[in-house]
């Protein structure tokens, strides 16, 4: 095999973390862009040189036309990047060779067969195009097919207004993925590895992530682009088994249900968004609290447990919780292995609890106390656990996740739920209840399946219809525990194993990935 074939191949998907530094500073700061390369046989890291990988034995694989099974050569970027300059070079003895490039599965540009004075292939500019994936495929005259190989790729790209330099190059035995930087790339990875939920404050300025493994709340400021930046301090301690966090409508107080402690932690929110424990730092609740909600008036709070009853509290002038009289409202099924989720109607007159395969319905009295409606329950899908409830901002419709379906209801004048026609909308495979969120405009809804995020438009009658495209593919199978849309309707956040995925919401309601944490190995 010829020595001038400079670059080798990669089999499957490898992740090379590129250290990104601010070039204007001697003491560099670091963030990361994860680059995955697909095609060929697996490489070995060259421990003597950071970011270098030894070529597999077959140096032709993937980068050469003779290895058709490994083409196209594909690069994935997390977060997605906006392309600036882009160049491709093939070896000098491959006349007539061109390289076809796709971006996110669609035709992007074509290089060659004409060449520039430096030997690189001529191509059409792709400046400003945002991509998560680029795929390169050699187009070779039949006579040159055995010897046509890509030598190197030159790419400048950025995230937002931050630009980085990416070079993929090689020698006879190895290839290198490296980055030089104009300025620091953002956003950085959101730290929690085992987030249970993410909550955004009512003004969209701060986000709070419950980490059940570390038993902390990670706290972030939300930037102008929707990116999350850790506060100082980055975390605050909570109780054992944190399950749910809620912020009151004023944005001054936050509460966390701790299902192993049978407590609710309570905090004040400072001017910078940071949480500070109240005195007392926690109040008792019933067994295994799983979900918590604050009344739209900010005067009451409710905690649904895995068994037994809903605990109910008044919220005092300092934000502290005090049990009501009576301290709880019954109706929850007992002896079932199922989470319970409580949600308060936007108008503040009704409450609903998803418990196993039924929805409990309550009216909220003048004192904030819950009373069962007539009927007290709505049966859903036999044998399936329901967990997530979301309301249309008009208060006229409700949506409930039940695994493979999203159930949709109209809300009557007395607060009772009635199934729409159709009652169910497909929510993908898998029996577990899936997180659901409704856009604050009331025009869109999102359901996270773990593998994908399903996107819906909401019609005038409240019914869900799939968007085009109907889903955003994440390529992940690690599950999603929470999806939240910020109050401005511009950003969405998904809590999943390994961290928080961040999305921008376009004018049509469609999601575009801002940042995705690396999948847990």
Protein backbone atom coordinates (compact mmCIF):
# COMPACT_ATOMS: atom_id res chain seq x y z
CA UNK A 1 0.00 0.00 0.00
CA UNK A 2 1.35 3.42 -0.94
CA UNK A 3 2.89 5.59 1.73
CA UNK A 4 1.18 8.72 0.51
CA UNK A 5 -2.13 7.36 1.73
CA UNK A 6 -1.96 9.50 4.84
CA UNK A 7 -5.14 8.93 6.73
CA UNK A 8 -6.58 5.77 8.21
CA UNK A 9 -10.04 4.74 9.21
CA UNK A 10 -12.17 4.36 12.11
CA UNK A 11 -14.74 1.64 12.69
CA UNK A 12 -17.98 2.33 14.53
CA UNK A 13 -18.18 5.55 16.40
CA UNK A 14 -15.28 6.89 18.44
CA UNK A 15 -15.36 10.05 20.45
CA UNK A 16 -12.28 12.24 20.47
CA UNK A 17 -12.58 15.20 22.83
CA UNK A 18 -10.93 18.23 21.34
CA UNK A 19 -9.44 20.62 23.90
CA UNK A 20 -10.57 24.11 23.01
CA UNK A 21 -8.56 27.09 24.30
CA UNK A 22 -8.72 30.84 23.99
CA UNK A 23 -5.76 31.67 21.76
CA UNK A 24 -5.39 35.19 23.10
CA UNK A 25 -4.60 33.93 26.59
CA UNK A 26 -1.47 32.17 27.74
CA UNK A 27 -3.38 30.46 30.52
CA UNK A 28 -6.01 28.64 28.48
CA UNK A 29 -9.54 27.82 29.52
CA UNK A 30 -11.02 24.59 28.20
CA UNK A 31 -14.37 23.44 26.87
CA UNK A 32 -15.05 20.46 24.59
CA UNK A 33 -16.44 19.54 21.23
CA UNK A 34 -16.95 15.83 20.79
CA UNK A 35 -16.11 14.56 17.30
CA UNK A 36 -17.20 11.09 16.25
CA UNK A 37 -15.73 9.45 13.15
CA UNK A 38 -17.33 6.46 11.46
CA UNK A 39 -15.89 3.95 9.01
CA UNK A 40 -13.28 1.17 8.88
CA UNK A 41 -11.41 -0.79 11.54
CA UNK A 42 -10.92 0.30 15.19
CA UNK A 43 -7.82 2.42 15.95
CA UNK A 44 -5.57 2.43 19.01
CA UNK A 45 -4.67 5.60 20.86
CA UNK A 46 -1.04 6.72 20.60
CA UNK A 47 -0.35 7.36 24.29
CA UNK A 48 2.71 9.46 23.49
CA UNK A 49 0.75 12.14 21.63
CA UNK A 50 -2.59 13.55 22.86
CA UNK A 51 -5.48 13.25 20.38
CA UNK A 52 -3.42 11.02 18.04
CA UNK A 53 -4.59 7.55 17.09
CA UNK A 54 -2.62 4.77 15.41
CA UNK A 55 -3.95 3.60 12.08
CA UNK A 56 -5.55 0.17 11.82
CA UNK A 57 -3.67 -2.43 9.78
CA UNK A 58 -5.75 -1.66 6.69
CA UNK A 59 -4.82 1.99 6.12
CA UNK A 60 -7.12 2.21 3.11
CA UNK A 61 -10.33 1.44 4.96
CA UNK A 62 -12.99 4.11 4.82
CA UNK A 63 -10.81 6.95 3.57
CA UNK A 64 -10.27 5.12 0.27
CA UNK A 65 -12.66 4.27 -2.55
CA UNK A 66 -11.49 0.65 -2.54
CA UNK A 67 -13.26 0.09 0.77
CA UNK A 68 -16.83 0.65 -0.38
CA UNK A 69 -18.35 -0.88 2.77
CA UNK A 70 -16.88 1.85 4.98
CA UNK A 71 -17.87 4.79 2.82
CA UNK A 72 -19.15 7.39 3.39
CA UNK A 73 -16.68 8.80 5.88
CA UNK A 74 -18.86 10.43 8.52
CA UNK A 75 -18.13 13.00 11.24
CA UNK A 76 -20.58 13.90 13.99
CA UNK A 77 -20.30 16.99 16.21
CA UNK A 78 -21.73 17.58 19.67
CA UNK A 79 -22.77 20.33 19.95
CA UNK A 80 -23.61 20.98 16.27
CA UNK A 81 -21.30 23.41 14.51
CA UNK A 82 -21.78 26.23 12.02
CA UNK A 83 -19.40 25.69 9.10
CA UNK A 84 -17.07 28.45 7.96
CA UNK A 85 -14.33 27.19 5.62
CA UNK A 86 -14.18 23.62 4.43
CA UNK A 87 -11.56 21.93 2.25
CA UNK A 88 -10.66 18.40 1.14
CA UNK A 89 -7.46 17.04 -0.34
CA UNK A 90 -6.98 13.74 -2.16
CA UNK A 91 -3.61 12.32 -3.15
CA UNK A 92 -1.99 13.69 -6.28
CA UNK A 93 -2.23 10.51 -8.32
CA UNK A 94 -6.06 10.42 -8.32
CA UNK A 95 -7.13 12.44 -11.40
CA UNK A 96 -10.83 12.95 -11.94
CA UNK A 97 -11.71 12.29 -8.30
CA UNK A 98 -14.49 14.29 -6.60
CA UNK A 99 -15.89 14.24 -3.07
CA UNK A 100 -19.64 14.52 -2.48
CA UNK A 101 -20.58 15.95 0.93
CA UNK A 102 -23.87 15.58 2.82
CA UNK A 103 -24.91 17.55 5.88
CA UNK A 104 -27.39 15.89 8.27
CA UNK A 105 -28.37 13.45 5.53
CA UNK A 106 -29.00 16.06 2.82
CA UNK A 107 -26.77 17.17 -0.10
CA UNK A 108 -24.44 19.93 1.09
CA UNK A 109 -21.67 20.50 -1.47
CA UNK A 110 -19.26 18.77 -3.87
CA UNK A 111 -15.49 19.13 -4.12
CA UNK A 112 -13.58 18.52 -7.39
CA UNK A 113 -12.57 17.14 -9.69
CA UNK A 114 -10.96 20.54 -10.42
CA UNK A 115 -8.18 21.50 -8.03
CA UNK A 116 -6.98 24.71 -6.41
CA UNK A 117 -3.35 25.87 -6.71
CA UNK A 118 -2.53 24.23 -3.36
CA UNK A 119 -3.74 20.87 -4.63
CA UNK A 120 -7.02 20.81 -2.69
CA UNK A 121 -10.27 20.16 -4.52
CA UNK A 122 -12.39 23.12 -5.60
CA UNK A 123 -15.81 23.34 -4.01
CA UNK A 124 -18.79 25.59 -3.34
CA UNK A 125 -18.75 27.56 -0.08
CA UNK A 126 -20.85 26.19 2.79
CA UNK A 127 -20.20 29.09 5.14
CA UNK A 128 -22.94 29.54 7.74
CA UNK A 129 -24.48 26.10 7.34
CA UNK A 130 -25.20 24.45 10.72
CA UNK A 131 -24.69 20.70 10.91
CA UNK A 132 -24.55 17.90 13.43
CA UNK A 133 -23.21 15.40 10.88
CA UNK A 134 -21.17 15.63 7.69
CA UNK A 135 -20.58 12.64 5.41
CA UNK A 136 -17.99 12.48 2.62
CA UNK A 137 -18.18 10.03 -0.27
CA UNK A 138 -15.55 9.63 -3.01
CA UNK A 139 -16.70 9.79 -6.63
CA UNK A 140 -13.99 8.11 -8.68
CA UNK A 141 -13.55 7.21 -12.36
CA UNK A 142 -13.52 3.38 -12.59
CA UNK A 143 -9.86 3.24 -13.63
CA UNK A 144 -8.75 5.12 -10.49
CA UNK A 145 -11.01 3.45 -7.94
CA UNK A 146 -8.41 1.21 -6.28
CA UNK A 147 -6.01 4.07 -5.48
CA UNK A 148 -8.27 7.04 -4.72
CA UNK A 149 -8.03 8.15 -1.08
CA UNK A 150 -8.81 11.24 0.97
CA UNK A 151 -5.58 12.64 2.43
CA UNK A 152 -6.85 15.36 4.72
CA UNK A 153 -9.77 17.58 5.65
CA UNK A 154 -9.52 21.20 6.75
CA UNK A 155 -12.48 22.70 8.56
CA UNK A 156 -13.21 25.88 10.48
CA UNK A 157 -16.48 25.89 12.35
CA UNK A 158 -18.07 27.32 15.44
CA UNK A 159 -20.86 27.23 18.00
CA UNK A 160 -22.88 30.44 17.95
CA UNK A 161 -20.44 33.31 17.45
CA UNK A 162 -17.53 31.26 18.79
CA UNK A 163 -15.17 29.94 16.14
CA UNK A 164 -12.72 27.04 16.30
CA UNK A 165 -10.22 25.50 13.89
CA UNK A 166 -10.47 21.77 13.27
CA UNK A 167 -7.82 19.91 11.27
CA UNK A 168 -7.88 16.22 10.38
CA UNK A 169 -4.50 15.16 9.08
CA UNK A 170 -2.13 12.21 9.14
CA UNK A 171 1.11 10.50 8.27
CA UNK A 172 2.06 7.01 7.14
CA UNK A 173 1.09 5.27 10.38
CA UNK A 174 -1.38 7.52 12.20
CA UNK A 175 -3.87 10.33 11.94
CA UNK A 176 -4.59 13.27 14.17
CA UNK A 177 -7.72 15.17 15.14
CA UNK A 178 -6.75 18.50 16.63
CA UNK A 179 -8.18 21.95 17.28
CA UNK A 180 -6.78 25.42 17.45
CA UNK A 181 -9.11 28.10 18.74
CA UNK A 182 -10.02 31.69 18.09
CA UNK A 183 -12.09 31.94 21.27
CA UNK A 184 -13.65 29.64 23.83
CA UNK A 185 -16.44 27.44 22.50
CA UNK A 186 -19.66 27.22 24.48
CA UNK A 187 -21.75 25.79 26.02
CA UNK A 188 -19.71 23.62 28.34
CA UNK A 189 -21.02 20.25 29.50
CA UNK A 190 -23.78 20.46 32.08
CA UNK A 191 -22.36 18.53 35.00
CA UNK A 192 -24.99 16.25 36.59
CA UNK A 193 -24.48 12.65 35.49
CA UNK A 194 -27.74 11.30 36.89
CA UNK A 195 -30.31 14.11 36.63
CA UNK A 196 -33.83 13.36 37.76
CA UNK A 197 -35.42 16.57 36.50
CA UNK A 198 -34.76 20.10 35.30
CA UNK A 199 -36.86 23.09 36.32
CA UNK A 200 -36.68 26.63 34.91
CA UNK A 201 -37.72 29.58 37.07
CA UNK A 202 -40.84 31.57 36.00
CA UNK A 203 -38.80 34.37 34.41
CA UNK A 204 -36.53 32.02 32.44
CA UNK A 205 -33.35 33.30 34.09
CA UNK A 206 -32.26 30.23 36.07
CA UNK A 207 -32.41 26.45 35.82
CA UNK A 208 -32.20 23.85 38.58
CA UNK A 209 -31.25 20.21 38.03
CA UNK A 210 -31.95 17.53 40.63
CA UNK A 211 -29.14 14.95 40.71
CA UNK A 212 -30.39 11.83 42.49
CA UNK A 213 -26.96 10.14 42.60
CA UNK A 214 -25.11 13.07 44.19
CA UNK A 215 -28.18 14.20 46.17
CA UNK A 216 -27.67 17.79 45.10
CA UNK A 217 -29.36 20.51 43.08
CA UNK A 218 -27.12 21.91 40.36
CA UNK A 219 -27.95 25.55 39.68
CA UNK A 220 -27.40 27.44 36.43
CA UNK A 221 -27.87 30.86 34.90
CA UNK A 222 -29.51 30.79 31.46
CA UNK A 223 -27.65 32.88 28.91
CA UNK A 224 -29.00 34.88 25.97
CA UNK A 225 -28.50 31.86 23.68
CA UNK A 226 -30.21 29.45 26.09
CA UNK A 227 -26.91 27.92 27.22
CA UNK A 228 -26.58 26.94 30.88
CA UNK A 229 -23.71 28.34 32.98
CA UNK A 230 -23.00 27.02 36.50
CA UNK A 231 -23.62 29.44 39.35
CA UNK A 232 -21.33 29.91 42.34
CA UNK A 233 -21.74 27.65 44.24
CA UNK A 234 -22.53 25.14 41.47
CA UNK A 235 -24.56 22.82 43.73
CA UNK A 236 -26.51 22.80 46.99
CA UNK A 237 -27.21 19.80 49.19
CA UNK A 238 -30.67 18.27 49.47
CA UNK A 239 -32.20 15.24 51.19
CA UNK A 240 -31.90 11.56 50.31
CA UNK A 241 -33.62 10.35 47.16
CA UNK A 242 -34.53 13.70 45.55
CA UNK A 243 -37.41 13.21 43.13
CA UNK A 244 -38.98 16.53 42.17
CA UNK A 245 -38.26 20.26 42.33
CA UNK A 246 -40.72 23.15 42.01
CA UNK A 247 -40.26 26.92 42.04
CA UNK A 248 -43.05 29.20 43.26
CA UNK A 249 -44.61 31.64 40.74
CA UNK A 250 -42.79 34.63 42.23
CA UNK A 251 -39.42 32.97 41.67
CA UNK A 252 -38.44 33.56 45.30
CA UNK A 253 -38.73 30.02 46.71
CA UNK A 254 -37.90 26.47 45.66
CA UNK A 255 -38.90 23.09 47.09
CA UNK A 256 -37.54 19.54 46.61
CA UNK A 257 -39.40 16.31 47.46
CA UNK A 258 -37.05 13.69 48.94
CA UNK A 259 -38.64 10.25 48.74
CA UNK A 260 -36.14 8.41 50.98
CA UNK A 261 -36.20 11.02 53.73
CA UNK A 262 -39.99 11.56 53.62
CA UNK A 263 -39.20 15.29 53.61
CA UNK A 264 -39.48 18.42 51.50
CA UNK A 265 -36.38 20.62 51.39
CA UNK A 266 -37.18 24.35 51.18
CA UNK A 267 -35.02 27.20 49.87
CA UNK A 268 -35.06 30.90 49.24
CA UNK A 269 -33.81 32.06 45.83
CA UNK A 270 -31.39 34.96 45.97
CA UNK A 271 -30.84 37.85 43.58
CA UNK A 272 -28.38 35.76 41.55
CA UNK A 273 -30.68 32.72 41.46
CA UNK A 274 -28.68 30.77 44.03
CA UNK A 275 -30.56 28.59 46.53
CA UNK A 276 -30.19 29.06 50.31
CA UNK A 277 -31.79 26.67 52.84
CA UNK A 278 -34.65 28.11 54.88
CA UNK A 279 -35.04 27.62 58.60
CA UNK A 280 -36.09 24.87 59.03
CA UNK A 281 -34.29 23.40 56.00
CA UNK A 282 -36.93 20.68 55.52
CA UNK A 283 -40.44 19.72 56.58
CA UNK A 284 -41.92 16.24 57.01
CA UNK A 285 -44.27 14.74 54.47
CA UNK A 286 -45.99 11.40 53.93
CA UNK A 287 -44.20 8.25 52.79
CA UNK A 288 -42.11 8.24 49.61
CA UNK A 289 -42.91 11.67 48.13
CA UNK A 290 -42.51 11.47 44.36
CA UNK A 291 -43.87 14.72 42.91
CA UNK A 292 -44.35 18.28 44.07
CA UNK A 293 -46.37 21.22 42.68
CA UNK A 294 -46.95 24.83 43.77
CA UNK A 295 -50.32 26.54 43.31
CA UNK A 296 -50.38 29.38 40.72
CA UNK A 297 -51.20 31.85 43.52
CA UNK A 298 -48.00 30.87 45.34
CA UNK A 299 -50.02 30.27 48.54
CA UNK A 300 -50.17 26.46 48.56
CA UNK A 301 -47.99 23.43 47.79
CA UNK A 302 -48.88 19.77 47.24
CA UNK A 303 -46.80 16.59 47.39
CA UNK A 304 -47.93 13.27 45.90
CA UNK A 305 -46.35 10.13 47.33
CA UNK A 306 -45.91 6.69 45.87
CA UNK A 307 -48.56 5.40 48.27
CA UNK A 308 -51.47 6.67 50.29
CA UNK A 309 -52.31 10.36 49.99
CA UNK A 310 -51.42 13.87 48.79
CA UNK A 311 -49.79 16.07 51.42
CA UNK A 312 -50.97 19.70 51.32
CA UNK A 313 -49.33 22.82 52.72
CA UNK A 314 -49.81 26.55 53.01
CA UNK A 315 -46.87 28.75 52.02
CA UNK A 316 -46.12 31.52 54.49
CA UNK A 317 -44.79 35.03 53.94
CA UNK A 318 -41.21 33.72 54.20
CA UNK A 319 -41.88 30.81 51.82
CA UNK A 320 -41.89 28.20 54.60
CA UNK A 321 -44.35 25.28 54.35
CA UNK A 322 -46.95 24.57 57.03
CA UNK A 323 -49.24 21.50 56.88
CA UNK A 324 -52.90 22.31 56.22
CA UNK A 325 -55.80 20.97 58.21
CA UNK A 326 -56.37 18.25 57.11
CA UNK A 327 -52.71 17.56 56.28
CA UNK A 328 -53.50 15.25 53.37
CA UNK A 329 -56.09 14.26 50.77
CA UNK A 330 -56.59 10.56 50.08
CA UNK A 331 -57.35 8.58 46.98
CA UNK A 332 -53.97 7.26 45.82
CA UNK A 333 -53.69 3.56 45.09
CA UNK A 334 -51.52 1.63 47.52
CA UNK A 335 -49.40 -1.46 47.05
CA UNK A 336 -48.42 -0.65 43.47
CA UNK A 337 -44.95 -0.07 42.11
CA UNK A 338 -45.67 3.17 40.33
CA UNK A 339 -44.72 6.80 40.51
CA UNK A 340 -47.27 9.50 41.22
CA UNK A 341 -47.25 12.90 39.55
CA UNK A 342 -49.30 15.88 40.66
CA UNK A 343 -50.15 18.85 38.44
CA UNK A 344 -52.15 22.00 39.20
CA UNK A 345 -54.52 23.46 36.60
CA UNK A 346 -53.33 26.84 35.25
CA UNK A 347 -56.46 28.48 36.67
CA UNK A 348 -55.67 27.17 40.16
CA UNK A 349 -59.10 25.60 40.74
CA UNK A 350 -58.25 21.94 40.09
CA UNK A 351 -55.51 19.39 40.76
CA UNK A 352 -54.79 16.07 39.08
CA UNK A 353 -52.65 13.15 40.17
CA UNK A 354 -51.35 10.45 37.82
CA UNK A 355 -51.32 7.29 39.94
CA UNK A 356 -50.66 3.89 38.34
CA UNK A 357 -53.30 3.66 35.57
CA UNK A 358 -55.82 6.23 36.86
CA UNK A 359 -55.99 10.01 37.08
CA UNK A 360 -57.32 11.37 40.35
CA UNK A 361 -59.28 14.63 40.03
CA UNK A 362 -59.62 17.22 42.81
CA UNK A 363 -61.17 20.63 43.25
CA UNK A 364 -59.13 23.19 45.21
CA UNK A 365 -61.11 25.07 47.83
CA UNK A 366 -60.78 28.62 49.11
CA UNK A 367 -58.28 27.46 51.76
CA UNK A 368 -56.26 25.48 49.23
CA UNK A 369 -57.48 22.11 50.48
CA UNK A 370 -58.17 19.32 47.96
CA UNK A 371 -61.57 17.65 47.59
CA UNK A 372 -62.26 14.71 45.23
CA UNK A 373 -64.38 15.60 42.17
CA UNK A 374 -67.32 13.61 40.93
CA UNK A 375 -66.14 11.37 39.36
CA UNK A 376 -63.05 11.13 41.52
CA UNK A 377 -61.00 9.18 38.98
CA UNK A 378 -60.49 8.76 35.24
CA UNK A 379 -59.39 5.32 34.05
CA UNK A 380 -56.63 5.34 31.44
CA UNK A 381 -54.90 2.27 29.97
CA UNK A 382 -55.15 -1.03 31.83
CA UNK A 383 -51.76 -2.41 32.82
CA UNK A 384 -49.80 0.75 31.96
CA UNK A 385 -48.35 3.21 34.39
CA UNK A 386 -48.98 6.90 33.78
CA UNK A 387 -46.70 9.54 35.22
CA UNK A 388 -46.52 12.84 33.33
CA UNK A 389 -49.32 15.43 33.05
CA UNK A 390 -49.12 18.65 31.02
CA UNK A 391 -51.73 21.37 30.46
CA UNK A 392 -52.48 23.66 27.57
CA UNK A 393 -51.89 27.24 28.80
CA UNK A 394 -55.58 28.05 28.09
CA UNK A 395 -56.54 25.49 30.75
CA UNK A 396 -58.92 23.77 28.32
CA UNK A 397 -56.84 20.67 27.51
CA UNK A 398 -54.64 18.14 29.30
CA UNK A 399 -52.10 15.62 28.03
CA UNK A 400 -51.00 12.49 29.89
CA UNK A 401 -48.16 10.10 29.06
CA UNK A 402 -48.97 6.38 29.26
CA UNK A 403 -45.99 4.70 27.62
CA UNK A 404 -46.75 3.97 23.97
CA UNK A 405 -49.48 6.63 23.80
CA UNK A 406 -50.08 10.22 24.79
CA UNK A 407 -53.64 10.57 26.09
CA UNK A 408 -55.45 13.83 25.33
CA UNK A 409 -58.40 15.28 27.23
CA UNK A 410 -60.68 18.28 27.25
CA UNK A 411 -61.22 19.93 30.64
CA UNK A 412 -64.84 20.70 31.42
CA UNK A 413 -66.33 23.68 33.22
CA UNK A 414 -66.20 21.72 36.49
CA UNK A 415 -62.60 20.58 35.88
CA UNK A 416 -63.45 16.99 34.94
CA UNK A 417 -61.42 15.34 32.18
CA UNK A 418 -63.12 13.94 29.06
CA UNK A 419 -61.25 11.98 26.37
CA UNK A 420 -60.83 13.74 23.02
CA UNK A 421 -61.42 12.08 19.69
CA UNK A 422 -59.01 10.49 19.08
CA UNK A 423 -58.19 9.75 22.69
CA UNK A 424 -54.64 8.57 22.01
CA UNK A 425 -51.69 9.77 19.95
CA UNK A 426 -48.83 7.38 19.25
CA UNK A 427 -45.76 8.13 21.38
CA UNK A 428 -43.37 5.48 20.08
CA UNK A 429 -42.36 2.10 21.39
CA UNK A 430 -41.63 1.25 25.01
CA UNK A 431 -43.95 0.78 27.95
CA UNK A 432 -42.55 3.45 30.26
CA UNK A 433 -44.32 6.76 30.61
CA UNK A 434 -42.50 9.47 28.66
CA UNK A 435 -41.90 13.11 29.66
CA UNK A 436 -44.17 15.63 27.95
CA UNK A 437 -44.06 19.43 27.74
CA UNK A 438 -46.37 22.02 26.15
CA UNK A 439 -44.98 25.20 24.61
CA UNK A 440 -46.10 28.39 26.46
CA UNK A 441 -47.78 29.65 23.25
CA UNK A 442 -50.06 26.59 23.33
CA UNK A 443 -49.18 25.78 19.71
CA UNK A 444 -46.68 22.94 20.19
CA UNK A 445 -45.99 19.92 22.39
CA UNK A 446 -42.98 17.65 22.83
CA UNK A 447 -42.64 14.06 24.07
CA UNK A 448 -39.20 12.62 24.77
CA UNK A 449 -38.91 8.89 24.11
CA UNK A 450 -35.21 8.55 24.95
CA UNK A 451 -34.31 7.67 21.36
CA UNK A 452 -36.14 10.68 19.88
CA UNK A 453 -38.10 13.78 20.76
CA UNK A 454 -41.51 13.69 19.13
CA UNK A 455 -42.81 17.09 17.97
CA UNK A 456 -46.48 18.01 17.68
CA UNK A 457 -48.58 20.97 16.66
CA UNK A 458 -51.69 21.63 18.77
CA UNK A 459 -54.85 22.32 16.83
CA UNK A 460 -57.67 24.73 17.62
CA UNK A 461 -59.51 21.86 19.36
CA UNK A 462 -56.44 20.94 21.43
CA UNK A 463 -55.64 17.76 19.50
CA UNK A 464 -52.02 16.83 18.78
CA UNK A 465 -50.74 16.36 15.21
CA UNK A 466 -47.22 15.34 14.24
CA UNK A 467 -45.00 18.13 12.91
CA UNK A 468 -42.81 17.88 9.84
CA UNK A 469 -40.31 16.57 10.76
CA UNK A 470 -42.21 14.47 13.26
CA UNK A 471 -39.22 13.90 15.51
CA UNK A 472 -35.72 15.00 16.42
CA UNK A 473 -33.46 11.97 16.48
CA UNK A 474 -31.03 11.91 19.36
CA UNK A 475 -29.41 8.55 18.64
CA UNK A 476 -29.58 7.96 22.38
CA UNK A 477 -31.13 5.07 24.25
CA UNK A 478 -30.32 6.20 27.76
CA UNK A 479 -33.78 7.47 28.59
CA UNK A 480 -35.21 10.90 29.30
CA UNK A 481 -36.60 11.71 32.72
CA UNK A 482 -37.78 15.27 32.20
CA UNK A 483 -38.41 17.77 29.40
CA UNK A 484 -38.92 21.46 30.09
CA UNK A 485 -39.64 24.47 27.85
CA UNK A 486 -38.48 27.84 29.17
CA UNK A 487 -41.12 30.58 29.71
CA UNK A 488 -39.99 32.53 26.62
CA UNK A 489 -40.69 29.49 24.43
CA UNK A 490 -37.24 29.79 22.80
CA UNK A 491 -35.45 26.87 24.45
CA UNK A 492 -36.09 23.33 25.65
CA UNK A 493 -34.09 21.17 28.05
CA UNK A 494 -34.10 17.38 28.46
CA UNK A 495 -32.75 15.67 31.58
CA UNK A 496 -31.22 12.33 30.64
CA UNK A 497 -28.53 9.95 31.83
CA UNK A 498 -25.22 11.77 31.52
CA UNK A 499 -26.47 15.35 31.64
CA UNK A 500 -28.81 17.91 30.08
CA UNK A 501 -29.52 18.18 26.36
CA UNK A 502 -30.30 21.74 25.24
CA UNK A 503 -32.40 22.77 22.23
CA UNK A 504 -33.44 25.97 20.47
CA UNK A 505 -37.08 26.25 19.36
CA UNK A 506 -37.64 27.73 15.92
CA UNK A 507 -40.49 29.81 14.52
CA UNK A 508 -42.38 26.66 13.51
CA UNK A 509 -41.90 25.03 16.91
CA UNK A 510 -39.26 22.59 15.63
CA UNK A 511 -36.28 21.82 17.87
CA UNK A 512 -32.62 22.34 16.95
CA UNK A 513 -29.89 20.87 19.12
CA UNK A 514 -27.67 23.36 20.95
CA UNK A 515 -25.79 20.88 23.11
CA UNK A 516 -25.93 17.18 23.88
CA UNK A 517 -23.85 15.50 26.58
CA UNK A 518 -21.77 12.46 25.62
CA UNK A 519 -23.68 9.19 26.06
CA UNK A 520 -22.82 7.33 29.23
CA UNK A 521 -20.51 4.40 28.53
